[in-house]
Amino acid sequence: MAANWSLSALDRLEIQELYARYAWGIDLADVDMALSTFAEDAWFDHLWQGRVQGHEAIRKNLESLWYDRQSWWYGRQHVMNHFIMDPLEQEGTARVRCFFQILQFNVEYRTNFVFGIGTRDDIVAREQGRWLFKSLHVNAWTEMEQVPWKGELKLRPRPKVPPPPSAGSRP
């Protein structure tokens, strides 16, 4: 059923700023800023960590990302773009889809690289005058099947190359 309300230009800018605050919070380990982007009962679905609900569970997931393998996280920049914002039936709630790229600074090599890409499919809601995440879903493209391709897939499978012979089997 189509929504009988629309997002204003200001709503759209505020939602984009929500994504910016989320990125600044998670990329710089600012737990207060990161959590300020989520509704109290929000869902956070982040890859291998699974889906959790509520600020305390989201905090634990973020702290795990920041501190369990800090060299994987330190120096990251999440870039979200190409937003599609669709109002949902419940006024003040919208589905937001976007692409993301994760840029990574490697502190040991002092180089930068693209760590990952993918899509997001989130629900945001206006609560007490502020747009907040109600659910955040990360779809990182780590396998071919994770790309939400709509067209006919004509890619050929990768060629199977036999492994080189082991050192003990060479003549």
N, C-alpha and C. Protein backbone atom coordinates (compact mmCIF):
# COMPACT_ATOMS: atom_id res chain seq x y z
N MET A 1 0.84 -1.17 0.00
CA MET A 1 0.00 0.00 0.00
C MET A 1 0.89 1.24 0.00
N ALA A 2 0.57 2.19 -0.82
CA ALA A 2 1.36 3.41 -0.93
C ALA A 2 1.13 4.32 0.28
N ALA A 3 2.20 5.01 0.66
CA ALA A 3 2.09 5.96 1.77
C ALA A 3 1.29 7.17 1.32
N ASN A 4 0.51 7.75 2.23
CA ASN A 4 -0.27 8.94 1.89
C ASN A 4 0.39 10.21 2.41
N TRP A 5 1.68 10.17 2.56
CA TRP A 5 2.46 11.33 2.96
C TRP A 5 3.78 11.29 2.20
N SER A 6 4.53 12.37 2.21
CA SER A 6 5.80 12.38 1.48
C SER A 6 6.90 12.96 2.36
N LEU A 7 8.13 12.60 2.02
CA LEU A 7 9.29 13.15 2.70
C LEU A 7 9.60 14.53 2.11
N SER A 8 9.80 15.50 2.95
CA SER A 8 10.17 16.83 2.46
C SER A 8 11.67 16.85 2.13
N ALA A 9 12.10 17.89 1.47
CA ALA A 9 13.53 18.06 1.20
C ALA A 9 14.30 18.13 2.51
N LEU A 10 13.74 18.80 3.53
CA LEU A 10 14.41 18.87 4.83
C LEU A 10 14.50 17.49 5.46
N ASP A 11 13.43 16.68 5.38
CA ASP A 11 13.48 15.31 5.89
C ASP A 11 14.63 14.55 5.24
N ARG A 12 14.74 14.65 3.93
CA ARG A 12 15.78 13.93 3.19
C ARG A 12 17.17 14.38 3.62
N LEU A 13 17.37 15.66 3.82
CA LEU A 13 18.67 16.15 4.29
C LEU A 13 18.96 15.67 5.71
N GLU A 14 17.95 15.68 6.57
CA GLU A 14 18.15 15.21 7.94
C GLU A 14 18.47 13.71 7.97
N ILE A 15 17.86 12.94 7.08
CA ILE A 15 18.15 11.50 7.01
C ILE A 15 19.58 11.30 6.52
N GLN A 16 20.02 12.07 5.54
CA GLN A 16 21.42 11.96 5.09
C GLN A 16 22.38 12.33 6.22
N GLU A 17 22.02 13.34 7.01
CA GLU A 17 22.88 13.69 8.14
C GLU A 17 22.88 12.57 9.19
N LEU A 18 21.77 11.88 9.36
CA LEU A 18 21.74 10.71 10.24
C LEU A 18 22.81 9.71 9.83
N TYR A 19 22.90 9.43 8.53
CA TYR A 19 23.93 8.51 8.02
C TYR A 19 25.33 9.05 8.27
N ALA A 20 25.51 10.36 8.12
CA ALA A 20 26.82 10.97 8.38
C ALA A 20 27.20 10.83 9.85
N ARG A 21 26.26 11.09 10.75
CA ARG A 21 26.54 10.96 12.18
C ARG A 21 26.85 9.51 12.55
N TYR A 22 26.13 8.58 11.95
CA TYR A 22 26.41 7.16 12.16
C TYR A 22 27.85 6.85 11.74
N ALA A 23 28.25 7.31 10.54
CA ALA A 23 29.60 7.03 10.05
C ALA A 23 30.66 7.67 10.95
N TRP A 24 30.47 8.91 11.32
CA TRP A 24 31.44 9.56 12.21
C TRP A 24 31.53 8.80 13.54
N GLY A 25 30.39 8.37 14.06
CA GLY A 25 30.39 7.65 15.33
C GLY A 25 31.11 6.31 15.24
N ILE A 26 30.75 5.50 14.25
CA ILE A 26 31.37 4.17 14.19
C ILE A 26 32.81 4.22 13.72
N ASP A 27 33.14 5.16 12.83
CA ASP A 27 34.50 5.20 12.29
C ASP A 27 35.52 5.79 13.26
N LEU A 28 35.07 6.58 14.22
CA LEU A 28 35.98 7.19 15.18
C LEU A 28 35.77 6.67 16.60
N ALA A 29 35.05 5.55 16.73
CA ALA A 29 34.80 4.89 18.01
C ALA A 29 34.17 5.86 19.02
N ASP A 30 33.24 6.66 18.56
CA ASP A 30 32.50 7.59 19.41
C ASP A 30 31.16 6.94 19.73
N VAL A 31 31.13 6.19 20.82
CA VAL A 31 29.95 5.39 21.13
C VAL A 31 28.72 6.26 21.35
N ASP A 32 28.89 7.42 21.96
CA ASP A 32 27.73 8.29 22.19
C ASP A 32 27.14 8.78 20.88
N MET A 33 27.99 9.20 19.95
CA MET A 33 27.47 9.66 18.66
C MET A 33 26.82 8.50 17.91
N ALA A 34 27.48 7.34 17.91
CA ALA A 34 26.92 6.19 17.19
C ALA A 34 25.55 5.82 17.75
N LEU A 35 25.44 5.68 19.06
CA LEU A 35 24.17 5.28 19.66
C LEU A 35 23.10 6.34 19.51
N SER A 36 23.49 7.61 19.38
CA SER A 36 22.50 8.68 19.23
C SER A 36 21.77 8.59 17.91
N THR A 37 22.22 7.75 17.00
CA THR A 37 21.56 7.60 15.70
C THR A 37 20.51 6.49 15.71
N PHE A 38 20.42 5.74 16.81
CA PHE A 38 19.50 4.61 16.90
C PHE A 38 18.36 4.90 17.87
N ALA A 39 17.16 4.47 17.50
CA ALA A 39 16.05 4.45 18.45
C ALA A 39 16.39 3.46 19.56
N GLU A 40 15.81 3.64 20.74
CA GLU A 40 16.11 2.75 21.88
C GLU A 40 15.87 1.29 21.54
N ASP A 41 14.84 0.99 20.75
CA ASP A 41 14.48 -0.39 20.43
C ASP A 41 14.96 -0.81 19.03
N ALA A 42 15.94 -0.12 18.50
CA ALA A 42 16.40 -0.37 17.13
C ALA A 42 17.07 -1.73 16.98
N TRP A 43 16.99 -2.24 15.76
CA TRP A 43 17.67 -3.47 15.36
C TRP A 43 18.93 -3.11 14.59
N PHE A 44 20.01 -3.87 14.82
CA PHE A 44 21.30 -3.66 14.15
C PHE A 44 21.72 -5.02 13.60
N ASP A 45 21.79 -5.13 12.28
CA ASP A 45 22.12 -6.40 11.61
C ASP A 45 23.41 -6.19 10.84
N HIS A 46 24.52 -6.66 11.43
CA HIS A 46 25.84 -6.37 10.89
C HIS A 46 26.61 -7.67 10.63
N LEU A 47 26.54 -8.15 9.42
CA LEU A 47 27.35 -9.26 8.94
C LEU A 47 27.44 -10.41 9.92
N TRP A 48 28.67 -10.80 10.25
CA TRP A 48 28.91 -12.01 11.05
C TRP A 48 28.47 -11.85 12.50
N GLN A 49 28.20 -10.64 12.95
CA GLN A 49 27.78 -10.45 14.33
C GLN A 49 26.32 -10.81 14.54
N GLY A 50 25.57 -10.84 13.47
CA GLY A 50 24.16 -11.16 13.59
C GLY A 50 23.31 -9.95 13.94
N ARG A 51 22.05 -10.22 14.20
CA ARG A 51 21.05 -9.17 14.42
C ARG A 51 20.81 -9.02 15.92
N VAL A 52 20.98 -7.81 16.41
CA VAL A 52 20.75 -7.54 17.83
C VAL A 52 19.81 -6.35 17.96
N GLN A 53 19.21 -6.22 19.15
CA GLN A 53 18.25 -5.13 19.37
C GLN A 53 18.59 -4.37 20.64
N GLY A 54 18.44 -3.04 20.56
CA GLY A 54 18.60 -2.18 21.72
C GLY A 54 19.99 -1.59 21.85
N HIS A 55 20.06 -0.46 22.54
CA HIS A 55 21.32 0.27 22.66
C HIS A 55 22.43 -0.56 23.29
N GLU A 56 22.14 -1.31 24.35
CA GLU A 56 23.21 -2.06 25.02
C GLU A 56 23.79 -3.13 24.10
N ALA A 57 22.95 -3.85 23.38
CA ALA A 57 23.44 -4.88 22.45
C ALA A 57 24.20 -4.24 21.28
N ILE A 58 23.72 -3.11 20.79
CA ILE A 58 24.42 -2.40 19.71
C ILE A 58 25.78 -1.92 20.21
N ARG A 59 25.82 -1.39 21.42
CA ARG A 59 27.09 -0.95 22.01
C ARG A 59 28.09 -2.11 22.06
N LYS A 60 27.65 -3.27 22.52
CA LYS A 60 28.55 -4.44 22.60
C LYS A 60 29.07 -4.82 21.22
N ASN A 61 28.19 -4.81 20.22
CA ASN A 61 28.64 -5.13 18.86
C ASN A 61 29.67 -4.13 18.37
N LEU A 62 29.42 -2.85 18.59
CA LEU A 62 30.36 -1.83 18.13
C LEU A 62 31.70 -1.96 18.86
N GLU A 63 31.66 -2.16 20.17
CA GLU A 63 32.90 -2.31 20.92
C GLU A 63 33.68 -3.53 20.46
N SER A 64 32.98 -4.59 20.08
CA SER A 64 33.65 -5.77 19.52
C SER A 64 34.35 -5.41 18.21
N LEU A 65 33.67 -4.65 17.36
CA LEU A 65 34.30 -4.22 16.10
C LEU A 65 35.52 -3.34 16.37
N TRP A 66 35.41 -2.42 17.29
CA TRP A 66 36.47 -1.46 17.55
C TRP A 66 37.68 -2.07 18.24
N TYR A 67 37.46 -3.04 19.13
CA TYR A 67 38.54 -3.46 20.01
C TYR A 67 38.99 -4.91 19.84
N ASP A 68 38.16 -5.81 19.32
CA ASP A 68 38.59 -7.20 19.16
C ASP A 68 39.67 -7.34 18.09
N ARG A 69 39.53 -6.62 17.00
CA ARG A 69 40.53 -6.61 15.93
C ARG A 69 40.72 -5.16 15.49
N GLN A 70 41.31 -4.39 16.37
CA GLN A 70 41.39 -2.95 16.14
C GLN A 70 42.10 -2.60 14.84
N SER A 71 43.09 -3.39 14.44
CA SER A 71 43.81 -3.08 13.19
C SER A 71 42.89 -3.20 11.98
N TRP A 72 41.79 -3.93 12.11
CA TRP A 72 40.82 -4.02 11.02
C TRP A 72 39.93 -2.79 10.97
N TRP A 73 39.78 -2.10 12.09
CA TRP A 73 38.80 -1.02 12.16
C TRP A 73 39.43 0.37 12.16
N TYR A 74 40.57 0.53 12.82
CA TYR A 74 41.19 1.84 12.96
C TYR A 74 41.46 2.43 11.58
N GLY A 75 41.02 3.67 11.37
CA GLY A 75 41.28 4.34 10.09
C GLY A 75 40.25 4.06 9.01
N ARG A 76 39.08 3.56 9.39
CA ARG A 76 38.03 3.31 8.38
C ARG A 76 37.18 4.54 8.15
N GLN A 77 36.66 4.61 6.93
CA GLN A 77 35.65 5.61 6.59
C GLN A 77 34.53 4.91 5.84
N HIS A 78 33.35 4.92 6.42
CA HIS A 78 32.17 4.40 5.73
C HIS A 78 31.57 5.53 4.90
N VAL A 79 31.38 5.28 3.63
CA VAL A 79 30.81 6.27 2.71
C VAL A 79 29.50 5.70 2.20
N MET A 80 28.40 6.38 2.49
CA MET A 80 27.09 5.95 2.01
C MET A 80 26.63 6.95 0.95
N ASN A 81 26.02 6.41 -0.14
CA ASN A 81 25.60 7.31 -1.21
C ASN A 81 24.49 6.68 -2.04
N HIS A 82 23.98 7.45 -2.99
CA HIS A 82 22.91 7.04 -3.90
C HIS A 82 21.69 6.56 -3.11
N PHE A 83 21.19 7.45 -2.28
CA PHE A 83 20.06 7.14 -1.39
C PHE A 83 18.75 7.06 -2.16
N ILE A 84 17.96 6.04 -1.82
CA ILE A 84 16.57 5.95 -2.25
C ILE A 84 15.75 5.92 -0.96
N MET A 85 14.88 6.91 -0.80
CA MET A 85 14.08 7.04 0.42
C MET A 85 12.61 6.92 0.07
N ASP A 86 11.97 5.90 0.61
CA ASP A 86 10.55 5.64 0.33
C ASP A 86 9.75 5.75 1.62
N PRO A 87 8.79 6.69 1.68
CA PRO A 87 7.92 6.77 2.85
C PRO A 87 7.14 5.46 3.00
N LEU A 88 6.99 5.01 4.23
CA LEU A 88 6.19 3.83 4.51
C LEU A 88 4.79 4.26 4.93
N GLU A 89 3.91 3.30 5.04
CA GLU A 89 2.50 3.61 5.36
C GLU A 89 2.38 4.39 6.66
N GLN A 90 3.15 3.99 7.67
CA GLN A 90 3.10 4.71 8.95
C GLN A 90 3.83 6.04 8.79
N GLU A 91 3.11 7.13 8.95
CA GLU A 91 3.71 8.46 8.75
C GLU A 91 4.90 8.66 9.68
N GLY A 92 5.96 9.24 9.13
CA GLY A 92 7.18 9.47 9.90
C GLY A 92 8.12 8.29 9.89
N THR A 93 7.86 7.31 9.03
CA THR A 93 8.72 6.13 8.90
C THR A 93 9.05 5.94 7.43
N ALA A 94 10.31 5.62 7.14
CA ALA A 94 10.72 5.46 5.75
C ALA A 94 11.72 4.33 5.61
N ARG A 95 11.71 3.73 4.44
CA ARG A 95 12.73 2.75 4.06
C ARG A 95 13.81 3.52 3.30
N VAL A 96 15.06 3.29 3.68
CA VAL A 96 16.18 3.95 3.02
C VAL A 96 17.14 2.88 2.51
N ARG A 97 17.38 2.93 1.21
CA ARG A 97 18.37 2.05 0.61
C ARG A 97 19.51 2.90 0.07
N CYS A 98 20.72 2.37 0.16
CA CYS A 98 21.87 3.10 -0.38
C CYS A 98 23.00 2.12 -0.64
N PHE A 99 23.98 2.60 -1.38
CA PHE A 99 25.22 1.86 -1.56
C PHE A 99 26.19 2.33 -0.48
N PHE A 100 27.18 1.48 -0.17
CA PHE A 100 28.24 1.92 0.73
C PHE A 100 29.58 1.41 0.23
N GLN A 101 30.60 2.17 0.59
CA GLN A 101 31.98 1.77 0.37
C GLN A 101 32.71 2.01 1.69
N ILE A 102 33.64 1.13 2.01
CA ILE A 102 34.45 1.30 3.21
C ILE A 102 35.88 1.52 2.75
N LEU A 103 36.39 2.70 3.05
CA LEU A 103 37.78 3.03 2.76
C LEU A 103 38.58 2.75 4.01
N GLN A 104 39.78 2.21 3.86
CA GLN A 104 40.57 1.79 5.01
C GLN A 104 41.98 2.37 4.92
N PHE A 105 42.46 2.93 6.02
CA PHE A 105 43.84 3.38 6.15
C PHE A 105 44.60 2.27 6.86
N ASN A 106 45.66 1.76 6.24
CA ASN A 106 46.49 0.73 6.87
C ASN A 106 47.63 1.44 7.59
N VAL A 107 47.62 1.38 8.92
CA VAL A 107 48.59 2.13 9.71
C VAL A 107 50.01 1.60 9.54
N GLU A 108 50.17 0.31 9.27
CA GLU A 108 51.52 -0.25 9.14
C GLU A 108 52.16 0.10 7.81
N TYR A 109 51.39 0.03 6.74
CA TYR A 109 51.93 0.33 5.41
C TYR A 109 51.73 1.79 5.01
N ARG A 110 50.94 2.53 5.79
CA ARG A 110 50.58 3.91 5.49
C ARG A 110 50.00 4.04 4.08
N THR A 111 49.09 3.12 3.78
CA THR A 111 48.40 3.12 2.49
C THR A 111 46.90 3.09 2.74
N ASN A 112 46.15 3.37 1.69
CA ASN A 112 44.69 3.35 1.76
C ASN A 112 44.17 2.38 0.71
N PHE A 113 43.04 1.75 1.02
CA PHE A 113 42.45 0.82 0.06
C PHE A 113 40.95 0.73 0.31
N VAL A 114 40.25 0.16 -0.66
CA VAL A 114 38.82 -0.09 -0.48
C VAL A 114 38.69 -1.43 0.23
N PHE A 115 38.14 -1.40 1.44
CA PHE A 115 37.99 -2.62 2.23
C PHE A 115 36.77 -3.41 1.79
N GLY A 116 35.67 -2.71 1.50
CA GLY A 116 34.45 -3.43 1.14
C GLY A 116 33.43 -2.52 0.50
N ILE A 117 32.47 -3.15 -0.16
CA ILE A 117 31.35 -2.43 -0.77
C ILE A 117 30.09 -3.23 -0.53
N GLY A 118 28.96 -2.59 -0.73
CA GLY A 118 27.70 -3.30 -0.58
C GLY A 118 26.52 -2.36 -0.59
N THR A 119 25.42 -2.84 -0.04
CA THR A 119 24.19 -2.06 0.04
C THR A 119 23.68 -2.06 1.47
N ARG A 120 22.84 -1.07 1.75
CA ARG A 120 22.15 -0.99 3.03
C ARG A 120 20.66 -0.96 2.74
N ASP A 121 19.88 -1.51 3.65
CA ASP A 121 18.42 -1.49 3.55
C ASP A 121 17.90 -1.25 4.96
N ASP A 122 17.57 0.00 5.26
CA ASP A 122 17.29 0.42 6.62
C ASP A 122 15.87 0.98 6.74
N ILE A 123 15.40 1.00 7.98
CA ILE A 123 14.15 1.68 8.31
C ILE A 123 14.51 2.81 9.28
N VAL A 124 14.05 4.01 8.96
CA VAL A 124 14.26 5.17 9.83
C VAL A 124 12.90 5.72 10.25
N ALA A 125 12.88 6.36 11.41
CA ALA A 125 11.63 6.94 11.90
C ALA A 125 11.93 8.25 12.61
N ARG A 126 10.97 9.16 12.51
CA ARG A 126 11.08 10.43 13.23
C ARG A 126 10.50 10.21 14.62
N GLU A 127 11.37 10.37 15.63
CA GLU A 127 10.96 10.23 17.03
C GLU A 127 11.38 11.48 17.78
N GLN A 128 10.44 12.13 18.41
CA GLN A 128 10.70 13.35 19.18
C GLN A 128 11.47 14.38 18.34
N GLY A 129 11.05 14.50 17.08
CA GLY A 129 11.62 15.51 16.20
C GLY A 129 12.92 15.16 15.52
N ARG A 130 13.43 13.94 15.74
CA ARG A 130 14.71 13.53 15.14
C ARG A 130 14.54 12.24 14.36
N TRP A 131 15.22 12.13 13.22
CA TRP A 131 15.25 10.88 12.46
C TRP A 131 16.25 9.95 13.11
N LEU A 132 15.84 8.68 13.33
CA LEU A 132 16.67 7.67 13.97
C LEU A 132 16.53 6.36 13.22
N PHE A 133 17.56 5.52 13.32
CA PHE A 133 17.46 4.17 12.76
C PHE A 133 16.53 3.33 13.63
N LYS A 134 15.57 2.67 13.00
CA LYS A 134 14.74 1.66 13.66
C LYS A 134 15.32 0.28 13.37
N SER A 135 15.84 0.12 12.15
CA SER A 135 16.57 -1.10 11.82
C SER A 135 17.63 -0.74 10.79
N LEU A 136 18.79 -1.34 10.94
CA LEU A 136 19.92 -1.09 10.07
C LEU A 136 20.43 -2.44 9.59
N HIS A 137 20.43 -2.63 8.28
CA HIS A 137 20.86 -3.91 7.71
C HIS A 137 21.99 -3.68 6.71
N VAL A 138 23.13 -4.31 6.99
CA VAL A 138 24.31 -4.23 6.14
C VAL A 138 24.35 -5.45 5.23
N ASN A 139 24.42 -5.24 3.93
CA ASN A 139 24.58 -6.32 2.95
C ASN A 139 25.92 -6.13 2.26
N ALA A 140 26.98 -6.63 2.89
CA ALA A 140 28.32 -6.52 2.31
C ALA A 140 28.46 -7.54 1.18
N TRP A 141 29.05 -7.10 0.10
CA TRP A 141 29.21 -7.99 -1.05
C TRP A 141 30.50 -8.78 -0.89
N THR A 142 30.38 -9.92 -0.23
CA THR A 142 31.53 -10.81 -0.06
C THR A 142 31.40 -12.07 -0.92
N GLU A 143 30.23 -12.28 -1.47
CA GLU A 143 29.96 -13.39 -2.38
C GLU A 143 29.10 -12.88 -3.53
N MET A 144 29.20 -13.53 -4.66
CA MET A 144 28.46 -13.12 -5.85
C MET A 144 26.96 -13.04 -5.58
N GLU A 145 26.43 -13.95 -4.79
CA GLU A 145 25.00 -14.02 -4.54
C GLU A 145 24.49 -12.84 -3.71
N GLN A 146 25.38 -12.09 -3.09
CA GLN A 146 24.96 -10.98 -2.24
C GLN A 146 24.71 -9.68 -3.01
N VAL A 147 25.10 -9.65 -4.27
CA VAL A 147 24.84 -8.47 -5.10
C VAL A 147 23.37 -8.54 -5.53
N PRO A 148 22.56 -7.54 -5.21
CA PRO A 148 21.13 -7.60 -5.54
C PRO A 148 20.84 -7.31 -7.02
N TRP A 149 21.45 -8.08 -7.88
CA TRP A 149 21.34 -7.94 -9.33
C TRP A 149 19.93 -8.26 -9.77
N LYS A 150 19.32 -7.41 -10.57
CA LYS A 150 17.94 -7.62 -11.04
C LYS A 150 17.90 -8.18 -12.45
N GLY A 151 18.95 -7.96 -13.23
CA GLY A 151 18.96 -8.43 -14.61
C GLY A 151 19.36 -9.89 -14.72
N GLU A 152 19.35 -10.37 -15.96
CA GLU A 152 19.77 -11.74 -16.23
C GLU A 152 21.26 -11.85 -15.96
N LEU A 153 21.66 -12.90 -15.28
CA LEU A 153 23.06 -13.11 -14.94
C LEU A 153 23.71 -13.99 -16.00
N LYS A 154 24.62 -13.41 -16.76
CA LYS A 154 25.27 -14.14 -17.85
C LYS A 154 26.76 -14.37 -17.59
N LEU A 155 27.19 -14.13 -16.38
CA LEU A 155 28.60 -14.34 -16.05
C LEU A 155 28.95 -15.81 -16.16
N ARG A 156 30.11 -16.07 -16.68
CA ARG A 156 30.61 -17.44 -16.68
C ARG A 156 31.28 -17.70 -15.34
N PRO A 157 31.20 -18.94 -14.88
CA PRO A 157 31.89 -19.23 -13.62
C PRO A 157 33.40 -19.05 -13.80
N ARG A 158 34.06 -18.77 -12.72
CA ARG A 158 35.52 -18.65 -12.78
C ARG A 158 36.12 -19.97 -13.23
N PRO A 159 37.17 -19.93 -14.04
CA PRO A 159 37.79 -21.19 -14.47
C PRO A 159 38.41 -21.90 -13.28
N LYS A 160 38.33 -23.19 -13.33
CA LYS A 160 38.94 -24.00 -12.28
C LYS A 160 40.37 -24.31 -12.70
N VAL A 161 41.30 -23.82 -11.94
CA VAL A 161 42.71 -24.04 -12.21
C VAL A 161 43.21 -25.06 -11.20
N PRO A 162 43.78 -26.16 -11.69
CA PRO A 162 44.27 -27.15 -10.73
C PRO A 162 45.41 -26.56 -9.90
N PRO A 163 45.47 -26.95 -8.64
CA PRO A 163 46.55 -26.43 -7.80
C PRO A 163 47.90 -26.96 -8.30
N PRO A 164 48.97 -26.22 -8.04
CA PRO A 164 50.29 -26.72 -8.46
C PRO A 164 50.62 -27.99 -7.69
N PRO A 165 51.43 -28.84 -8.29
CA PRO A 165 51.80 -30.08 -7.58
C PRO A 165 52.57 -29.73 -6.31
N SER A 166 52.40 -30.58 -5.30
CA SER A 166 53.12 -30.35 -4.05
C SER A 166 54.60 -30.65 -4.27
N ALA A 167 55.44 -30.12 -3.41
CA ALA A 167 56.89 -30.26 -3.56
C ALA A 167 57.32 -31.72 -3.61
N GLY A 168 56.65 -32.59 -2.89
CA GLY A 168 57.03 -34.00 -2.86
C GLY A 168 56.61 -34.78 -4.09
N SER A 169 55.75 -34.24 -4.94
CA SER A 169 55.27 -35.00 -6.09
C SER A 169 55.94 -34.58 -7.39
N ARG A 170 56.87 -33.67 -7.33
CA ARG A 170 57.56 -33.23 -8.55
C ARG A 170 58.64 -34.23 -8.93
N PRO A 171 58.85 -34.38 -10.25
CA PRO A 171 59.89 -35.33 -10.69
C PRO A 171 61.28 -34.84 -10.38
